[in-house]
Amino acid sequence: MSSASPTIMWFRRDLRLSDHAALTAAVARGGPVIAVFIRDALVDDLGAAPKWRLGLSLDSLATSLKAKGHQLILRSGPALDVLQGLIAQTGADAVFWSRLYDPASIERDTLIKSTLKSDGIEAKSFGGHLMHEPWSVETKTGGYYKVYTPFWNNVKNTSRGSTVQTPSRIPALDKWPDSDALSDWNMGTAMNRGEAIMRPHARIGEAAAQERLGVFIEGIVADYITGRNLPWKDGTSNLSDSLALGEISPLQCWEAGSVARHEGKQGAEVFLKEIVWREFAYHLMHHTPRILTDNWKPIWDDFPWNTDETKSEVIAWKQGRTGIPFVDAAMREMYVTGKMHNRGRMIVASYLTKHLMTDWRIGQKWFEDCLTDWDPASNAMGWQWSAGSGPDATPYFRVFNPVTQLDKFDANRDYTNRWIAEGRSTPHADANSYFDAIPRSWNLSADNAYPAAVVSPEMGRKIALDAYSNRDL
């Protein structure tokens, strides 16, 4: 199909130019392409760290488009109103976008698609945030998968197409519509002083994501089976924020991992399984959206979790002052870098939900505000997996011991020494940065004594197992 009329390319969590089905289709129509990002209520509702990280990615995308003689148009307001306004202003007769899968985005996008089509506008959504559409993977009986391993076995050899190249040329308008200034959006305001601390740790944009993938595949992936569990080691892809914002596609990661597996690099298949773990989270969110807000296993609905965020032990958890070094180091890593090692995530989540018997939704909400790689499906599934209320094939009564876990995965204490300053004559610079990143209202400094454990591993395990006993979970 060829059209001289403009096509609006509505960017969302697909902030790249390569392997971009919607952008490729927009260019193929033949007319000018209007690249737009809309700051609507779903953007405004983002937590402090993910909103700040989104702003940096938008700036990078704008730079990439500018290099092709293009411009990223920024508009604020309800997405349908903005799109209809741009259509009236530019004469565009089509709007393309990449699909999102959380309930709020689906509700918004469904209304927009039906309204635009009724107005005679071609409105079309494309894949790209996932390799497999959540509804396309079914069990032999036609249902959805509730356990990861069978899901992996289903998709590991499934055809998923090939990546598409960056368009060599993106047709432009003679005169661009008005655009908001990104600086006026103040995407990092809620970060306060933490923004300056976190910025040096952020890799921003498509080029940085591709470079990191190359470094990972070239060397790190060979030791991924072991290295991914060592929080002191650069042993993971470190692409979670780039995937969350679509600076790189999962299919690009899959293709690179598949080449590494073919070359005999030992950790490559485990890396591919982690990509599919992300797909599984979206599969569950699509089929059981309650995973975002309610216990995935309803039998947990009357479990007596603490729901009081003001309790001293919950505050200590948030502050990284539980007296449990693995928990505290992981929380402090998050405040300084915007991310947390996956082993740390399991430990801090287990400690909150089992040792402190606190509702997983409190942790989910806190991560939603603090993580630059926040992702609705992965965050919800991770918390419910740790709490025992989610899709975990291992029995709910598994309780991680944060001390023995530290002995196993940080035997020399390189990780905790990097992030905990109290009691050390010459703390690591990153440990000191924690005190510069956190809210002043916490009134903490490296001169404070390191606290005693709010709940010891032994006591926490007993509390959890006592709560589980005599309950049909």
Foldseek 3Di string as FASTA:
>chain_A
DADQAEEEEEADLALAQWLDVQQVVRQVNHHAYAAEYEAEPVLVPFAQQQLVQLLLQVVQSQVVQVVQVHGYFYYYYQPLVVVVVVCVVRVHQEYEYEDDFAPVRVVSLVVSCVVSVVVNGHYYYHHFLALDDLCRQADPVRHHDLAQPVSCVRPVPPDRDAIGGRDPHRHHDPDHDHHDDSVVVPSNPVQPLLCVLQVVQDQYALVSLVVLLVVCLVPLQLCLVQQLLFQLDPRDSPCLLCSQSSSDTLNVSLVSLVVSVVVPRPRSVVNVSVSVVVVVLSSCCNVPVCLLPHQPQCLCVPQPADADCPDPCNVCQQLLQQQQLLSSLQNLCLLRHLDGRPNSLLQSLLCCCQLVVHDLVVVLVSNSNRHNSDHRRVSSQSNSCSNQRGSDPDHNLDGDQSVVSCCVRVVVCSSSQQQDQAPDPDGHPSNQVSVSRDDCVVVDHSPDHRDHHPGHSVRSSVRRVVSVPPRPD
